[in-house]
Amino acid sequence: MSNKQGNPIVHTAFTLTELLMAIVITSLVGMSVATVSAVLSHAWSHSDSMIESISSARYAMMSIDADLRKAGLVTATGDGAGEMTLWTGDSNGDGRINIAEIVLIQPDGDAGNVERRQVVFPDSMSPEQLAILNVSIPLANLTDISAVRGYLSQGTYSAYLTVRVLATDVTSFEPITD
């Protein structure tokens, strides 16, 4: 066959080798893009979890800092257990330390949380009931964290015990005081 000028028409095509090389190069580029995408995705999710952990720790530290600033006294810290007991101050003005004025900050090792525990009586409670339930506790008993845990876990107060999670996914928590 020839064109109008009489020159033969040449059909150009890829050889099998060229096609195979093109497929190999395209596959290598595709695998490289997929690998880079997977690495970037993993790094992104890891940084998100780090940011969540840092935010959780910051919230916990700010909450504990606020409790410490308002506290009248730090009565005890745990020996290696990561616990701390605070007296929030004389909120009812009776001149004594009452059960509702005690805060226990402690880690829940099973759940990986740091929790704030306090007995909170409802505002609707009559003054007579409040006077009976809001017992005073000698300061000497508040220097032992296991005694504080015992006070807060008594059946009488379990209905009024509030537990607020301050931080999650905690691997260690150790308050240090002078």
N, C-alpha and C. Protein backbone atom coordinates (compact mmCIF):
# COMPACT_ATOMS: atom_id res chain seq x y z
N MET A 1 0.82 -1.17 0.00
CA MET A 1 0.00 0.00 0.00
C MET A 1 0.87 1.24 0.00
N SER A 2 0.38 2.28 -0.60
CA SER A 2 1.14 3.51 -0.62
C SER A 2 0.19 4.68 -0.55
N ASN A 3 0.73 5.83 -0.17
CA ASN A 3 -0.11 7.03 -0.08
C ASN A 3 -0.15 7.70 -1.45
N LYS A 4 -0.75 8.90 -1.53
CA LYS A 4 -0.92 9.58 -2.81
C LYS A 4 0.40 9.94 -3.45
N GLN A 5 1.45 10.15 -2.67
CA GLN A 5 2.75 10.48 -3.25
C GLN A 5 3.50 9.23 -3.68
N GLY A 6 2.95 8.11 -3.42
CA GLY A 6 3.60 6.87 -3.81
C GLY A 6 4.53 6.30 -2.77
N ASN A 7 4.58 6.92 -1.63
CA ASN A 7 5.42 6.38 -0.56
C ASN A 7 4.66 5.25 0.14
N PRO A 8 5.37 4.24 0.52
CA PRO A 8 4.69 3.15 1.21
C PRO A 8 4.22 3.61 2.61
N ILE A 9 3.05 3.11 3.03
CA ILE A 9 2.52 3.43 4.36
C ILE A 9 3.15 2.47 5.35
N VAL A 10 3.76 3.05 6.35
CA VAL A 10 4.42 2.23 7.37
C VAL A 10 3.57 2.29 8.63
N HIS A 11 3.19 1.13 9.11
CA HIS A 11 2.44 1.05 10.37
C HIS A 11 3.43 0.88 11.50
N THR A 12 3.39 1.83 12.44
CA THR A 12 4.29 1.71 13.58
C THR A 12 3.54 1.04 14.73
N ALA A 13 4.20 0.22 15.48
CA ALA A 13 3.59 -0.48 16.61
C ALA A 13 4.66 -0.72 17.65
N PHE A 14 4.18 -1.05 18.88
CA PHE A 14 5.11 -1.37 19.95
C PHE A 14 5.50 -2.83 19.84
N THR A 15 6.73 -3.09 20.16
CA THR A 15 7.15 -4.48 20.19
C THR A 15 6.70 -5.10 21.51
N LEU A 16 6.72 -6.37 21.62
CA LEU A 16 6.33 -7.07 22.84
C LEU A 16 7.23 -6.65 24.01
N THR A 17 8.49 -6.45 23.74
CA THR A 17 9.43 -6.03 24.79
C THR A 17 9.06 -4.65 25.32
N GLU A 18 8.73 -3.75 24.41
CA GLU A 18 8.35 -2.40 24.85
C GLU A 18 7.07 -2.42 25.67
N LEU A 19 6.10 -3.22 25.27
CA LEU A 19 4.86 -3.34 26.03
C LEU A 19 5.12 -3.90 27.42
N LEU A 20 5.94 -4.94 27.50
CA LEU A 20 6.26 -5.52 28.81
C LEU A 20 6.98 -4.52 29.70
N MET A 21 7.90 -3.76 29.13
CA MET A 21 8.62 -2.74 29.91
C MET A 21 7.65 -1.67 30.42
N ALA A 22 6.71 -1.26 29.58
CA ALA A 22 5.72 -0.26 29.98
C ALA A 22 4.85 -0.78 31.13
N ILE A 23 4.45 -2.05 31.04
CA ILE A 23 3.64 -2.65 32.11
C ILE A 23 4.43 -2.73 33.41
N VAL A 24 5.68 -3.13 33.34
CA VAL A 24 6.53 -3.24 34.54
C VAL A 24 6.72 -1.86 35.17
N ILE A 25 7.02 -0.86 34.37
CA ILE A 25 7.24 0.49 34.90
C ILE A 25 5.96 1.03 35.53
N THR A 26 4.83 0.83 34.88
CA THR A 26 3.54 1.28 35.42
C THR A 26 3.24 0.56 36.73
N SER A 27 3.51 -0.72 36.80
CA SER A 27 3.28 -1.48 38.03
C SER A 27 4.16 -0.98 39.16
N LEU A 28 5.43 -0.71 38.89
CA LEU A 28 6.35 -0.21 39.91
C LEU A 28 5.90 1.15 40.43
N VAL A 29 5.48 2.03 39.54
CA VAL A 29 4.99 3.35 39.96
C VAL A 29 3.73 3.18 40.80
N GLY A 30 2.82 2.31 40.38
CA GLY A 30 1.58 2.07 41.14
C GLY A 30 1.85 1.52 42.53
N MET A 31 2.77 0.56 42.62
CA MET A 31 3.10 -0.01 43.93
C MET A 31 3.77 1.04 44.82
N SER A 32 4.59 1.88 44.25
CA SER A 32 5.25 2.93 45.02
C SER A 32 4.22 3.91 45.57
N VAL A 33 3.27 4.30 44.74
CA VAL A 33 2.22 5.22 45.19
C VAL A 33 1.38 4.57 46.29
N ALA A 34 1.04 3.30 46.14
CA ALA A 34 0.25 2.59 47.15
C ALA A 34 1.02 2.49 48.47
N THR A 35 2.31 2.21 48.41
CA THR A 35 3.13 2.10 49.62
C THR A 35 3.22 3.45 50.33
N VAL A 36 3.48 4.49 49.57
CA VAL A 36 3.56 5.83 50.17
C VAL A 36 2.21 6.21 50.79
N SER A 37 1.12 5.90 50.11
CA SER A 37 -0.22 6.19 50.66
C SER A 37 -0.46 5.45 51.96
N ALA A 38 -0.08 4.18 52.02
CA ALA A 38 -0.27 3.40 53.24
C ALA A 38 0.57 3.96 54.39
N VAL A 39 1.80 4.32 54.12
CA VAL A 39 2.68 4.88 55.15
C VAL A 39 2.12 6.21 55.66
N LEU A 40 1.69 7.07 54.76
CA LEU A 40 1.12 8.36 55.16
C LEU A 40 -0.17 8.19 55.95
N SER A 41 -0.99 7.23 55.56
CA SER A 41 -2.23 6.98 56.27
C SER A 41 -1.95 6.49 57.70
N HIS A 42 -0.98 5.59 57.84
CA HIS A 42 -0.60 5.10 59.17
C HIS A 42 -0.05 6.24 60.02
N ALA A 43 0.80 7.07 59.44
CA ALA A 43 1.37 8.20 60.18
C ALA A 43 0.27 9.17 60.61
N TRP A 44 -0.69 9.39 59.75
CA TRP A 44 -1.80 10.30 60.07
C TRP A 44 -2.62 9.76 61.23
N SER A 45 -2.99 8.48 61.19
CA SER A 45 -3.79 7.91 62.27
C SER A 45 -2.99 7.87 63.58
N HIS A 46 -1.69 7.61 63.49
CA HIS A 46 -0.84 7.61 64.69
C HIS A 46 -0.79 9.01 65.29
N SER A 47 -0.65 10.02 64.46
CA SER A 47 -0.60 11.39 64.99
C SER A 47 -1.94 11.79 65.59
N ASP A 48 -3.05 11.32 65.01
CA ASP A 48 -4.36 11.60 65.59
C ASP A 48 -4.49 11.00 66.98
N SER A 49 -4.04 9.76 67.15
CA SER A 49 -4.12 9.13 68.47
C SER A 49 -3.20 9.83 69.47
N MET A 50 -2.04 10.29 69.00
CA MET A 50 -1.14 11.03 69.89
C MET A 50 -1.79 12.34 70.33
N ILE A 51 -2.43 13.03 69.41
CA ILE A 51 -3.10 14.29 69.74
C ILE A 51 -4.22 14.05 70.74
N GLU A 52 -4.99 12.96 70.57
CA GLU A 52 -6.04 12.62 71.52
C GLU A 52 -5.46 12.34 72.90
N SER A 53 -4.37 11.60 72.96
CA SER A 53 -3.74 11.29 74.24
C SER A 53 -3.24 12.55 74.92
N ILE A 54 -2.63 13.43 74.16
CA ILE A 54 -2.11 14.68 74.73
C ILE A 54 -3.26 15.54 75.22
N SER A 55 -4.35 15.61 74.46
CA SER A 55 -5.51 16.39 74.87
C SER A 55 -6.13 15.83 76.14
N SER A 56 -6.23 14.51 76.22
CA SER A 56 -6.77 13.87 77.41
C SER A 56 -5.90 14.16 78.63
N ALA A 57 -4.59 14.06 78.46
CA ALA A 57 -3.67 14.34 79.57
C ALA A 57 -3.75 15.81 79.99
N ARG A 58 -3.85 16.69 79.02
CA ARG A 58 -3.95 18.13 79.33
C ARG A 58 -5.23 18.42 80.12
N TYR A 59 -6.36 17.83 79.70
CA TYR A 59 -7.62 18.01 80.41
C TYR A 59 -7.49 17.50 81.85
N ALA A 60 -6.90 16.31 82.01
CA ALA A 60 -6.74 15.74 83.35
C ALA A 60 -5.88 16.64 84.22
N MET A 61 -4.78 17.12 83.66
CA MET A 61 -3.89 17.97 84.45
C MET A 61 -4.57 19.28 84.83
N MET A 62 -5.35 19.84 83.92
CA MET A 62 -6.06 21.09 84.24
C MET A 62 -7.12 20.85 85.31
N SER A 63 -7.82 19.71 85.25
CA SER A 63 -8.83 19.40 86.26
C SER A 63 -8.19 19.19 87.63
N ILE A 64 -7.10 18.43 87.65
CA ILE A 64 -6.41 18.19 88.92
C ILE A 64 -5.82 19.49 89.45
N ASP A 65 -5.26 20.31 88.56
CA ASP A 65 -4.72 21.61 88.97
C ASP A 65 -5.81 22.47 89.60
N ALA A 66 -7.00 22.50 88.99
CA ALA A 66 -8.11 23.29 89.54
C ALA A 66 -8.51 22.76 90.92
N ASP A 67 -8.57 21.43 91.06
CA ASP A 67 -8.88 20.86 92.37
C ASP A 67 -7.82 21.22 93.41
N LEU A 68 -6.55 21.14 93.01
CA LEU A 68 -5.47 21.47 93.94
C LEU A 68 -5.49 22.94 94.35
N ARG A 69 -5.79 23.82 93.42
CA ARG A 69 -5.83 25.25 93.75
C ARG A 69 -6.96 25.58 94.72
N LYS A 70 -8.08 24.86 94.58
CA LYS A 70 -9.23 25.10 95.46
C LYS A 70 -9.11 24.34 96.77
N ALA A 71 -8.25 23.32 96.82
CA ALA A 71 -8.17 22.45 98.00
C ALA A 71 -7.64 23.19 99.21
N GLY A 72 -8.22 22.83 100.35
CA GLY A 72 -7.72 23.37 101.59
C GLY A 72 -6.50 22.60 102.07
N LEU A 73 -6.39 21.32 101.63
CA LEU A 73 -5.32 20.47 102.12
C LEU A 73 -5.21 19.22 101.25
N VAL A 74 -3.98 18.82 100.95
CA VAL A 74 -3.73 17.50 100.36
C VAL A 74 -3.46 16.61 101.55
N THR A 75 -4.37 15.66 101.79
CA THR A 75 -4.24 14.86 103.01
C THR A 75 -3.37 13.63 102.83
N ALA A 76 -3.28 13.11 101.60
CA ALA A 76 -2.47 11.91 101.39
C ALA A 76 -2.19 11.73 99.90
N THR A 77 -1.05 11.11 99.64
CA THR A 77 -0.74 10.62 98.29
C THR A 77 -0.32 9.18 98.44
N GLY A 78 -0.65 8.37 97.44
CA GLY A 78 -0.35 6.95 97.51
C GLY A 78 1.11 6.66 97.25
N ASP A 79 1.60 5.65 97.93
CA ASP A 79 2.97 5.20 97.72
C ASP A 79 3.02 4.28 96.51
N GLY A 80 3.29 4.84 95.35
CA GLY A 80 3.40 4.06 94.14
C GLY A 80 2.07 3.66 93.52
N ALA A 81 0.95 4.00 94.18
CA ALA A 81 -0.36 3.61 93.66
C ALA A 81 -0.97 4.69 92.79
N GLY A 82 -0.39 5.88 92.78
CA GLY A 82 -0.91 6.96 91.94
C GLY A 82 -2.21 7.53 92.44
N GLU A 83 -2.39 7.61 93.74
CA GLU A 83 -3.62 8.14 94.32
C GLU A 83 -3.33 9.41 95.10
N MET A 84 -4.37 10.24 95.24
CA MET A 84 -4.22 11.49 95.98
C MET A 84 -5.57 11.83 96.61
N THR A 85 -5.53 12.25 97.88
CA THR A 85 -6.74 12.65 98.58
C THR A 85 -6.66 14.13 98.91
N LEU A 86 -7.76 14.84 98.63
CA LEU A 86 -7.82 16.28 98.88
C LEU A 86 -8.98 16.61 99.79
N TRP A 87 -8.80 17.60 100.63
CA TRP A 87 -9.92 18.20 101.35
C TRP A 87 -10.23 19.48 100.60
N THR A 88 -11.45 19.60 100.10
CA THR A 88 -11.81 20.73 99.25
C THR A 88 -11.99 22.03 100.02
N GLY A 89 -12.00 21.96 101.31
CA GLY A 89 -12.22 23.15 102.14
C GLY A 89 -13.55 23.03 102.86
N ASP A 90 -13.77 23.91 103.80
CA ASP A 90 -14.96 23.87 104.65
C ASP A 90 -16.14 24.48 103.90
N SER A 91 -16.77 23.69 103.03
CA SER A 91 -17.84 24.22 102.18
C SER A 91 -19.13 24.52 102.93
N ASN A 92 -19.38 23.86 104.05
CA ASN A 92 -20.61 24.12 104.80
C ASN A 92 -20.37 25.00 106.03
N GLY A 93 -19.15 25.40 106.29
CA GLY A 93 -18.84 26.35 107.36
C GLY A 93 -18.97 25.79 108.77
N ASP A 94 -18.91 24.46 108.93
CA ASP A 94 -19.05 23.90 110.27
C ASP A 94 -17.71 23.73 110.99
N GLY A 95 -16.61 24.07 110.32
CA GLY A 95 -15.29 23.98 110.95
C GLY A 95 -14.73 22.57 111.01
N ARG A 96 -15.35 21.61 110.32
CA ARG A 96 -14.89 20.23 110.35
C ARG A 96 -14.72 19.72 108.91
N ILE A 97 -14.00 18.61 108.80
CA ILE A 97 -13.85 17.94 107.50
C ILE A 97 -15.00 16.94 107.37
N ASN A 98 -15.84 17.15 106.36
CA ASN A 98 -17.00 16.29 106.15
C ASN A 98 -16.76 15.38 104.94
N ILE A 99 -17.54 14.29 104.88
CA ILE A 99 -17.38 13.30 103.81
C ILE A 99 -17.57 13.93 102.42
N ALA A 100 -18.46 14.91 102.31
CA ALA A 100 -18.73 15.53 101.01
C ALA A 100 -17.62 16.51 100.60
N GLU A 101 -16.67 16.75 101.49
CA GLU A 101 -15.57 17.67 101.19
C GLU A 101 -14.28 16.93 100.83
N ILE A 102 -14.37 15.62 100.66
CA ILE A 102 -13.20 14.79 100.36
C ILE A 102 -13.22 14.39 98.88
N VAL A 103 -12.09 14.52 98.22
CA VAL A 103 -11.94 14.12 96.83
C VAL A 103 -10.81 13.09 96.76
N LEU A 104 -11.06 11.99 96.06
CA LEU A 104 -10.04 10.97 95.83
C LEU A 104 -9.76 10.93 94.34
N ILE A 105 -8.52 11.16 93.96
CA ILE A 105 -8.10 11.07 92.57
C ILE A 105 -7.24 9.82 92.47
N GLN A 106 -7.63 8.92 91.58
CA GLN A 106 -6.93 7.64 91.50
C GLN A 106 -7.02 7.05 90.10
N PRO A 107 -6.03 6.25 89.74
CA PRO A 107 -6.13 5.55 88.45
C PRO A 107 -6.97 4.30 88.60
N ASP A 108 -7.69 3.97 87.54
CA ASP A 108 -8.40 2.70 87.45
C ASP A 108 -7.57 1.86 86.48
N GLY A 109 -6.67 1.07 87.02
CA GLY A 109 -5.71 0.33 86.21
C GLY A 109 -6.34 -0.60 85.19
N ASP A 110 -7.49 -1.19 85.53
CA ASP A 110 -8.14 -2.12 84.61
C ASP A 110 -8.65 -1.39 83.36
N ALA A 111 -9.21 -0.21 83.56
CA ALA A 111 -9.78 0.54 82.43
C ALA A 111 -8.76 1.51 81.82
N GLY A 112 -7.66 1.77 82.52
CA GLY A 112 -6.67 2.71 82.01
C GLY A 112 -7.11 4.15 82.14
N ASN A 113 -7.95 4.44 83.14
CA ASN A 113 -8.47 5.79 83.35
C ASN A 113 -7.92 6.39 84.64
N VAL A 114 -7.94 7.72 84.71
CA VAL A 114 -7.71 8.42 85.97
C VAL A 114 -9.06 9.01 86.35
N GLU A 115 -9.50 8.72 87.58
CA GLU A 115 -10.85 9.09 88.01
C GLU A 115 -10.82 10.01 89.22
N ARG A 116 -11.85 10.84 89.30
CA ARG A 116 -12.06 11.74 90.45
C ARG A 116 -13.32 11.25 91.14
N ARG A 117 -13.20 10.90 92.42
CA ARG A 117 -14.33 10.37 93.19
C ARG A 117 -14.66 11.32 94.32
N GLN A 118 -15.96 11.60 94.45
CA GLN A 118 -16.42 12.48 95.53
C GLN A 118 -17.88 12.16 95.84
N VAL A 119 -18.22 12.23 97.12
CA VAL A 119 -19.62 12.08 97.54
C VAL A 119 -20.29 13.43 97.31
N VAL A 120 -21.38 13.41 96.53
CA VAL A 120 -22.14 14.63 96.25
C VAL A 120 -23.60 14.37 96.61
N PHE A 121 -24.07 15.11 97.59
CA PHE A 121 -25.46 14.96 98.01
C PHE A 121 -26.34 15.86 97.15
N PRO A 122 -27.55 15.42 96.82
CA PRO A 122 -28.42 16.24 95.97
C PRO A 122 -28.88 17.50 96.70
N ASP A 123 -29.12 18.54 95.93
CA ASP A 123 -29.59 19.80 96.50
C ASP A 123 -30.97 19.65 97.14
N SER A 124 -31.72 18.67 96.67
CA SER A 124 -33.08 18.46 97.19
C SER A 124 -33.09 17.76 98.55
N MET A 125 -31.94 17.34 99.05
CA MET A 125 -31.87 16.64 100.33
C MET A 125 -32.18 17.61 101.46
N SER A 126 -32.97 17.16 102.41
CA SER A 126 -33.34 18.02 103.54
C SER A 126 -32.11 18.29 104.41
N PRO A 127 -32.09 19.43 105.10
CA PRO A 127 -30.95 19.74 105.98
C PRO A 127 -30.75 18.70 107.08
N GLU A 128 -31.83 18.10 107.53
CA GLU A 128 -31.72 17.08 108.57
C GLU A 128 -31.00 15.83 108.03
N GLN A 129 -31.42 15.39 106.84
CA GLN A 129 -30.76 14.23 106.22
C GLN A 129 -29.29 14.54 105.93
N LEU A 130 -29.04 15.74 105.44
CA LEU A 130 -27.67 16.14 105.12
C LEU A 130 -26.81 16.15 106.37
N ALA A 131 -27.35 16.63 107.48
CA ALA A 131 -26.59 16.66 108.73
C ALA A 131 -26.26 15.24 109.21
N ILE A 132 -27.17 14.31 108.96
CA ILE A 132 -26.94 12.92 109.38
C ILE A 132 -25.91 12.25 108.48
N LEU A 133 -26.03 12.44 107.16
CA LEU A 133 -25.17 11.74 106.21
C LEU A 133 -23.78 12.37 106.05
N ASN A 134 -23.71 13.68 106.13
CA ASN A 134 -22.43 14.36 105.87
C ASN A 134 -21.58 14.35 107.14
N VAL A 135 -21.15 13.17 107.52
CA VAL A 135 -20.40 12.99 108.77
C VAL A 135 -19.03 13.66 108.69
N SER A 136 -18.52 14.03 109.85
CA SER A 136 -17.17 14.59 109.89
C SER A 136 -16.18 13.44 110.06
N ILE A 137 -15.00 13.65 109.49
CA ILE A 137 -13.96 12.64 109.51
C ILE A 137 -12.71 13.26 110.13
N PRO A 138 -12.10 12.59 111.11
CA PRO A 138 -10.87 13.13 111.69
C PRO A 138 -9.75 13.18 110.64
N LEU A 139 -8.97 14.23 110.69
CA LEU A 139 -7.87 14.40 109.75
C LEU A 139 -6.92 13.21 109.79
N ALA A 140 -6.69 12.64 110.94
CA ALA A 140 -5.79 11.48 111.06
C ALA A 140 -6.26 10.32 110.18
N ASN A 141 -7.56 10.17 109.98
CA ASN A 141 -8.09 9.09 109.14
C ASN A 141 -7.92 9.39 107.66
N LEU A 142 -7.70 10.63 107.30
CA LEU A 142 -7.59 11.01 105.89
C LEU A 142 -6.16 10.94 105.37
N THR A 143 -5.23 10.61 106.24
CA THR A 143 -3.85 10.48 105.79
C THR A 143 -3.55 9.09 105.24
N ASP A 144 -4.53 8.19 105.36
CA ASP A 144 -4.41 6.83 104.85
C ASP A 144 -5.39 6.67 103.68
N ILE A 145 -4.86 6.49 102.48
CA ILE A 145 -5.72 6.43 101.29
C ILE A 145 -6.66 5.24 101.34
N SER A 146 -6.23 4.12 101.89
CA SER A 146 -7.13 2.97 101.96
C SER A 146 -8.32 3.28 102.87
N ALA A 147 -8.11 4.08 103.92
CA ALA A 147 -9.22 4.49 104.79
C ALA A 147 -10.18 5.39 104.02
N VAL A 148 -9.64 6.29 103.22
CA VAL A 148 -10.49 7.18 102.41
C VAL A 148 -11.31 6.35 101.43
N ARG A 149 -10.65 5.39 100.76
CA ARG A 149 -11.37 4.50 99.85
C ARG A 149 -12.51 3.80 100.59
N GLY A 150 -12.23 3.38 101.82
CA GLY A 150 -13.25 2.71 102.62
C GLY A 150 -14.43 3.62 102.92
N TYR A 151 -14.16 4.88 103.30
CA TYR A 151 -15.24 5.84 103.55
C TYR A 151 -16.11 6.02 102.30
N LEU A 152 -15.45 6.24 101.16
CA LEU A 152 -16.20 6.55 99.95
C LEU A 152 -16.95 5.35 99.39
N SER A 153 -16.51 4.14 99.71
CA SER A 153 -17.18 2.96 99.15
C SER A 153 -18.21 2.36 100.10
N GLN A 154 -18.44 2.99 101.26
CA GLN A 154 -19.45 2.48 102.19
C GLN A 154 -20.81 2.47 101.50
N GLY A 155 -21.61 1.49 101.82
CA GLY A 155 -22.93 1.36 101.22
C GLY A 155 -23.79 2.60 101.37
N THR A 156 -23.64 3.30 102.49
CA THR A 156 -24.42 4.51 102.74
C THR A 156 -24.15 5.56 101.68
N TYR A 157 -22.90 5.65 101.22
CA TYR A 157 -22.51 6.73 100.31
C TYR A 157 -22.44 6.30 98.85
N SER A 158 -22.57 5.00 98.58
CA SER A 158 -22.42 4.54 97.19
C SER A 158 -23.44 5.18 96.25
N ALA A 159 -24.63 5.48 96.76
CA ALA A 159 -25.66 6.11 95.92
C ALA A 159 -25.30 7.56 95.59
N TYR A 160 -24.46 8.17 96.40
CA TYR A 160 -24.10 9.58 96.22
C TYR A 160 -22.70 9.78 95.66
N LEU A 161 -21.99 8.68 95.45
CA LEU A 161 -20.62 8.76 94.96
C LEU A 161 -20.62 9.11 93.47
N THR A 162 -19.95 10.20 93.13
CA THR A 162 -19.81 10.57 91.72
C THR A 162 -18.39 10.21 91.28
N VAL A 163 -18.31 9.61 90.13
CA VAL A 163 -17.02 9.23 89.56
C VAL A 163 -16.91 9.94 88.22
N ARG A 164 -15.91 10.80 88.10
CA ARG A 164 -15.69 11.53 86.84
C ARG A 164 -14.36 11.08 86.27
N VAL A 165 -14.38 10.63 85.02
CA VAL A 165 -13.15 10.21 84.35
C VAL A 165 -12.41 11.46 83.89
N LEU A 166 -11.18 11.60 84.36
CA LEU A 166 -10.36 12.75 83.99
C LEU A 166 -9.51 12.48 82.76
N ALA A 167 -9.03 11.23 82.62
CA ALA A 167 -8.18 10.87 81.48
C ALA A 167 -8.40 9.41 81.14
N THR A 168 -8.23 9.09 79.86
CA THR A 168 -8.37 7.72 79.39
C THR A 168 -7.06 7.26 78.77
N ASP A 169 -6.92 5.96 78.61
CA ASP A 169 -5.72 5.36 78.01
C ASP A 169 -4.45 5.77 78.74
N VAL A 170 -4.51 5.78 80.06
CA VAL A 170 -3.37 6.18 80.89
C VAL A 170 -2.52 4.95 81.18
N THR A 171 -1.23 5.07 80.92
CA THR A 171 -0.34 3.95 81.21
C THR A 171 0.27 4.07 82.60
N SER A 172 0.46 5.31 83.09
CA SER A 172 0.95 5.48 84.45
C SER A 172 0.49 6.86 84.96
N PHE A 173 0.27 6.92 86.26
CA PHE A 173 -0.16 8.16 86.91
C PHE A 173 0.43 8.16 88.31
N GLU A 174 1.25 9.13 88.60
CA GLU A 174 1.90 9.18 89.91
C GLU A 174 2.00 10.64 90.37
N PRO A 175 1.08 11.07 91.24
CA PRO A 175 1.22 12.43 91.79
C PRO A 175 2.41 12.49 92.74
N ILE A 176 3.18 13.53 92.62
CA ILE A 176 4.37 13.71 93.45
C ILE A 176 4.18 14.99 94.25
N THR A 177 4.31 14.90 95.55
CA THR A 177 4.18 16.08 96.40
C THR A 177 5.36 16.14 97.35
N ASP A 178 5.59 17.33 97.86
CA ASP A 178 6.65 17.53 98.86
C ASP A 178 6.12 17.17 100.23
